[in-house]
């Protein structure tokens, strides 16, 4: 397999196992790195990705570039990841599971809070939605989202 095919495959894989809500903040962080950021800077940033499979795949992409003595900058990597997201979203063949967090926000965390994830799901629902959660009725924002969706 050629290096370009290997990297393209890894980029497709990371987009497939992640959600846009997970990858887009990573892209934003990559774009904030200096233009001359080296592999170590990019790798250091990617090590903070909370989702283990996504983190591993992103690090494999950087490693593939490095092992073939190819240069990559953070902005180019971000563009490649952003480009893969819409094509996979339109396929809609796979269910994407996303871990959500009920605790306080952490720096560099790409995991969304539970209330944010529920509000997004409710807003996007078109016919029906089944929510199974402990004490979700005590969260006013979720109840308001459900009322708006019903209306």
C-alpha atoms as a PDB file:
ATOM      1  CA  UNK A   1       0.000   0.000   0.000  1.00  0.00           C
ATOM      2  CA  UNK A   2       1.360   3.435  -0.897  1.00  0.00           C
ATOM      3  CA  UNK A   3       1.890   5.998   1.820  1.00  0.00           C
ATOM      4  CA  UNK A   4      -0.864   8.246   0.447  1.00  0.00           C
ATOM      5  CA  UNK A   5      -3.311   5.314   0.446  1.00  0.00           C
ATOM      6  CA  UNK A   6      -2.232   4.360   3.965  1.00  0.00           C
ATOM      7  CA  UNK A   7      -2.768   7.891   5.286  1.00  0.00           C
ATOM      8  CA  UNK A   8      -6.077   8.261   3.421  1.00  0.00           C
ATOM      9  CA  UNK A   9      -7.233   4.984   4.958  1.00  0.00           C
ATOM     10  CA  UNK A  10      -6.265   6.174   8.448  1.00  0.00           C
ATOM     11  CA  UNK A  11      -8.083   9.481   7.923  1.00  0.00           C
ATOM     12  CA  UNK A  12     -11.221   7.639   6.771  1.00  0.00           C
ATOM     13  CA  UNK A  13     -10.923   5.354   9.786  1.00  0.00           C
ATOM     14  CA  UNK A  14     -10.611   8.184  12.309  1.00  0.00           C
ATOM     15  CA  UNK A  15     -13.593   9.976  10.776  1.00  0.00           C
ATOM     16  CA  UNK A  16     -15.607   6.735  10.834  1.00  0.00           C
ATOM     17  CA  UNK A  17     -14.898   5.907  14.502  1.00  0.00           C
ATOM     18  CA  UNK A  18     -15.367   9.477  15.703  1.00  0.00           C
ATOM     19  CA  UNK A  19     -18.143  11.988  15.498  1.00  0.00           C
ATOM     20  CA  UNK A  20     -17.908  15.513  14.126  1.00  0.00           C
ATOM     21  CA  UNK A  21     -18.453  16.747  17.683  1.00  0.00           C
ATOM     22  CA  UNK A  22     -15.288  14.919  18.660  1.00  0.00           C
ATOM     23  CA  UNK A  23     -13.132  15.724  15.625  1.00  0.00           C
ATOM     24  CA  UNK A  24     -14.013  19.356  15.003  1.00  0.00           C
ATOM     25  CA  UNK A  25     -12.560  20.611  18.326  1.00  0.00           C
ATOM     26  CA  UNK A  26      -9.383  18.654  17.532  1.00  0.00           C
ATOM     27  CA  UNK A  27      -9.250  20.393  14.141  1.00  0.00           C
ATOM     28  CA  UNK A  28      -9.741  23.752  15.841  1.00  0.00           C
ATOM     29  CA  UNK A  29      -6.854  23.023  18.221  1.00  0.00           C
ATOM     30  CA  UNK A  30      -4.615  21.883  15.355  1.00  0.00           C
ATOM     31  CA  UNK A  31      -5.324  25.135  13.526  1.00  0.00           C
ATOM     32  CA  UNK A  32      -4.230  27.111  16.588  1.00  0.00           C
ATOM     33  CA  UNK A  33      -0.743  25.598  16.484  1.00  0.00           C
ATOM     34  CA  UNK A  34       1.999  27.730  14.907  1.00  0.00           C
ATOM     35  CA  UNK A  35       2.571  27.181  11.184  1.00  0.00           C
ATOM     36  CA  UNK A  36       6.017  25.745  11.924  1.00  0.00           C
ATOM     37  CA  UNK A  37       4.803  23.275  14.586  1.00  0.00           C
ATOM     38  CA  UNK A  38       6.748  20.039  14.272  1.00  0.00           C
ATOM     39  CA  UNK A  39       5.707  16.409  14.803  1.00  0.00           C
ATOM     40  CA  UNK A  40       6.367  16.690  18.548  1.00  0.00           C
ATOM     41  CA  UNK A  41       3.984  19.647  18.940  1.00  0.00           C
ATOM     42  CA  UNK A  42       1.261  17.940  16.912  1.00  0.00           C
ATOM     43  CA  UNK A  43       1.752  14.655  18.772  1.00  0.00           C
ATOM     44  CA  UNK A  44       1.664  16.436  22.119  1.00  0.00           C
ATOM     45  CA  UNK A  45      -1.670  18.032  21.265  1.00  0.00           C
ATOM     46  CA  UNK A  46      -3.154  14.776  19.989  1.00  0.00           C
ATOM     47  CA  UNK A  47      -2.194  12.922  23.170  1.00  0.00           C
ATOM     48  CA  UNK A  48      -4.838  15.020  24.964  1.00  0.00           C
ATOM     49  CA  UNK A  49      -7.698  13.589  22.886  1.00  0.00           C
ATOM     50  CA  UNK A  50      -9.936  11.803  25.398  1.00  0.00           C
ATOM     51  CA  UNK A  51     -11.418   9.137  23.092  1.00  0.00           C
ATOM     52  CA  UNK A  52      -8.777   6.382  23.074  1.00  0.00           C
ATOM     53  CA  UNK A  53      -9.509   4.922  19.618  1.00  0.00           C
ATOM     54  CA  UNK A  54      -9.579   8.370  18.026  1.00  0.00           C
ATOM     55  CA  UNK A  55      -6.359   9.367  19.805  1.00  0.00           C
ATOM     56  CA  UNK A  56      -4.622   6.167  18.661  1.00  0.00           C
ATOM     57  CA  UNK A  57      -5.711   6.628  15.049  1.00  0.00           C
ATOM     58  CA  UNK A  58      -4.662  10.304  14.988  1.00  0.00           C
ATOM     59  CA  UNK A  59      -1.256   9.378  16.385  1.00  0.00           C
ATOM     60  CA  UNK A  60      -0.947   6.637  13.732  1.00  0.00           C
ATOM     61  CA  UNK A  61      -1.527   9.256  11.027  1.00  0.00           C
ATOM     62  CA  UNK A  62       1.281  11.439  12.359  1.00  0.00           C
ATOM     63  CA  UNK A  63       3.492   8.376  12.794  1.00  0.00           C
ATOM     64  CA  UNK A  64       2.884   7.334   9.171  1.00  0.00           C
ATOM     65  CA  UNK A  65       4.055  10.738   7.947  1.00  0.00           C
ATOM     66  CA  UNK A  66       7.064  10.640  10.239  1.00  0.00           C
ATOM     67  CA  UNK A  67       8.103   7.077   9.351  1.00  0.00           C
ATOM     68  CA  UNK A  68       8.178   7.979   5.649  1.00  0.00           C
ATOM     69  CA  UNK A  69      10.117  11.215   6.263  1.00  0.00           C
ATOM     70  CA  UNK A  70       7.179  13.273   4.992  1.00  0.00           C
ATOM     71  CA  UNK A  71       6.384  16.704   6.361  1.00  0.00           C
ATOM     72  CA  UNK A  72       2.908  17.521   7.616  1.00  0.00           C
ATOM     73  CA  UNK A  73       1.709  20.691   9.217  1.00  0.00           C
ATOM     74  CA  UNK A  74      -1.126  20.956  11.678  1.00  0.00           C
ATOM     75  CA  UNK A  75      -3.333  23.016   9.351  1.00  0.00           C
ATOM     76  CA  UNK A  76      -3.030  20.406   6.576  1.00  0.00           C
ATOM     77  CA  UNK A  77      -3.909  17.606   8.969  1.00  0.00           C
ATOM     78  CA  UNK A  78      -6.916  19.591  10.175  1.00  0.00           C
ATOM     79  CA  UNK A  79      -8.060  20.178   6.594  1.00  0.00           C
ATOM     80  CA  UNK A  80      -7.760  16.468   5.789  1.00  0.00           C
ATOM     81  CA  UNK A  81      -9.829  15.543   8.844  1.00  0.00           C
ATOM     82  CA  UNK A  82     -12.455  18.203   8.129  1.00  0.00           C
ATOM     83  CA  UNK A  83     -12.696  16.973   4.525  1.00  0.00           C
ATOM     84  CA  UNK A  84     -13.408  13.402   5.590  1.00  0.00           C
ATOM     85  CA  UNK A  85     -16.272  14.267   7.928  1.00  0.00           C
ATOM     86  CA  UNK A  86     -19.008  15.317   5.432  1.00  0.00           C
ATOM     87  CA  UNK A  87     -18.565  12.301   3.174  1.00  0.00           C
ATOM     88  CA  UNK A  88     -18.985   9.946   6.097  1.00  0.00           C
ATOM     89  CA  UNK A  89     -21.910  11.912   7.513  1.00  0.00           C
ATOM     90  CA  UNK A  90     -23.764  11.629   4.215  1.00  0.00           C
ATOM     91  CA  UNK A  91     -23.317   7.866   4.081  1.00  0.00           C
ATOM     92  CA  UNK A  92     -25.189   7.388   7.345  1.00  0.00           C
ATOM     93  CA  UNK A  93     -24.646   3.641   7.184  1.00  0.00           C
ATOM     94  CA  UNK A  94     -23.116   3.246  10.605  1.00  0.00           C
ATOM     95  CA  UNK A  95     -24.261   4.210  14.035  1.00  0.00           C
ATOM     96  CA  UNK A  96     -21.695   6.334  15.801  1.00  0.00           C
ATOM     97  CA  UNK A  97     -21.481   5.941  19.536  1.00  0.00           C
ATOM     98  CA  UNK A  98     -20.168   8.866  21.483  1.00  0.00           C
ATOM     99  CA  UNK A  99     -19.132   8.922  25.109  1.00  0.00           C
ATOM    100  CA  UNK A 100     -20.584  11.887  26.974  1.00  0.00           C
ATOM    101  CA  UNK A 101     -19.492  13.232  30.325  1.00  0.00           C
ATOM    102  CA  UNK A 102     -21.675  14.208  33.271  1.00  0.00           C
ATOM    103  CA  UNK A 103     -18.876  15.868  35.229  1.00  0.00           C
ATOM    104  CA  UNK A 104     -17.191  19.256  34.968  1.00  0.00           C
ATOM    105  CA  UNK A 105     -15.506  20.365  31.732  1.00  0.00           C
ATOM    106  CA  UNK A 106     -11.789  19.670  31.386  1.00  0.00           C
ATOM    107  CA  UNK A 107      -9.227  21.581  29.316  1.00  0.00           C
ATOM    108  CA  UNK A 108      -8.544  19.970  25.919  1.00  0.00           C
ATOM    109  CA  UNK A 109     -11.451  17.581  26.483  1.00  0.00           C
ATOM    110  CA  UNK A 110     -13.300  16.606  23.354  1.00  0.00           C
ATOM    111  CA  UNK A 111     -15.990  14.802  25.323  1.00  0.00           C
ATOM    112  CA  UNK A 112     -19.285  16.676  25.427  1.00  0.00           C
ATOM    113  CA  UNK A 113     -21.341  17.038  28.556  1.00  0.00           C
ATOM    114  CA  UNK A 114     -24.430  14.844  28.787  1.00  0.00           C
ATOM    115  CA  UNK A 115     -26.842  17.778  28.768  1.00  0.00           C
ATOM    116  CA  UNK A 116     -25.227  19.203  25.611  1.00  0.00           C
ATOM    117  CA  UNK A 117     -25.422  15.853  23.818  1.00  0.00           C
ATOM    118  CA  UNK A 118     -29.066  15.347  24.799  1.00  0.00           C
ATOM    119  CA  UNK A 119     -30.029  18.864  23.719  1.00  0.00           C
ATOM    120  CA  UNK A 120     -28.399  18.271  20.301  1.00  0.00           C
ATOM    121  CA  UNK A 121     -30.118  14.908  19.847  1.00  0.00           C
ATOM    122  CA  UNK A 122     -33.483  16.353  20.838  1.00  0.00           C
ATOM    123  CA  UNK A 123     -33.070  19.318  18.476  1.00  0.00           C
ATOM    124  CA  UNK A 124     -32.149  17.027  15.568  1.00  0.00           C
ATOM    125  CA  UNK A 125     -34.905  14.454  16.114  1.00  0.00           C
ATOM    126  CA  UNK A 126     -37.614  14.479  13.457  1.00  0.00           C
ATOM    127  CA  UNK A 127     -40.133  11.795  14.390  1.00  0.00           C
ATOM    128  CA  UNK A 128     -39.490  10.271  17.781  1.00  0.00           C
ATOM    129  CA  UNK A 129     -36.890   9.972  20.473  1.00  0.00           C
ATOM    130  CA  UNK A 130     -36.466   7.586  23.381  1.00  0.00           C
ATOM    131  CA  UNK A 131     -34.382   8.901  26.259  1.00  0.00           C
ATOM    132  CA  UNK A 132     -33.367   6.568  29.049  1.00  0.00           C
ATOM    133  CA  UNK A 133     -31.531   8.451  31.747  1.00  0.00           C
ATOM    134  CA  UNK A 134     -31.475   8.805  35.491  1.00  0.00           C
ATOM    135  CA  UNK A 135     -33.104  12.032  36.714  1.00  0.00           C
ATOM    136  CA  UNK A 136     -33.149  13.816  33.348  1.00  0.00           C
ATOM    137  CA  UNK A 137     -36.463  15.382  34.376  1.00  0.00           C
ATOM    138  CA  UNK A 138     -34.507  17.515  36.879  1.00  0.00           C
ATOM    139  CA  UNK A 139     -32.594  19.319  34.112  1.00  0.00           C
ATOM    140  CA  UNK A 140     -34.641  22.365  33.015  1.00  0.00           C
ATOM    141  CA  UNK A 141     -32.719  22.813  29.761  1.00  0.00           C
ATOM    142  CA  UNK A 142     -33.541  19.261  28.662  1.00  0.00           C
ATOM    143  CA  UNK A 143     -37.201  19.663  29.573  1.00  0.00           C
ATOM    144  CA  UNK A 144     -37.348  22.917  27.586  1.00  0.00           C
ATOM    145  CA  UNK A 145     -35.679  21.204  24.618  1.00  0.00           C
ATOM    146  CA  UNK A 146     -38.249  18.410  24.729  1.00  0.00           C
ATOM    147  CA  UNK A 147     -41.130  20.902  24.880  1.00  0.00           C
ATOM    148  CA  UNK A 148     -39.733  22.809  21.875  1.00  0.00           C
ATOM    149  CA  UNK A 149     -39.322  19.561  19.936  1.00  0.00           C
ATOM    150  CA  UNK A 150     -42.913  18.537  20.616  1.00  0.00           C
ATOM    151  CA  UNK A 151     -44.174  21.963  19.524  1.00  0.00           C
END
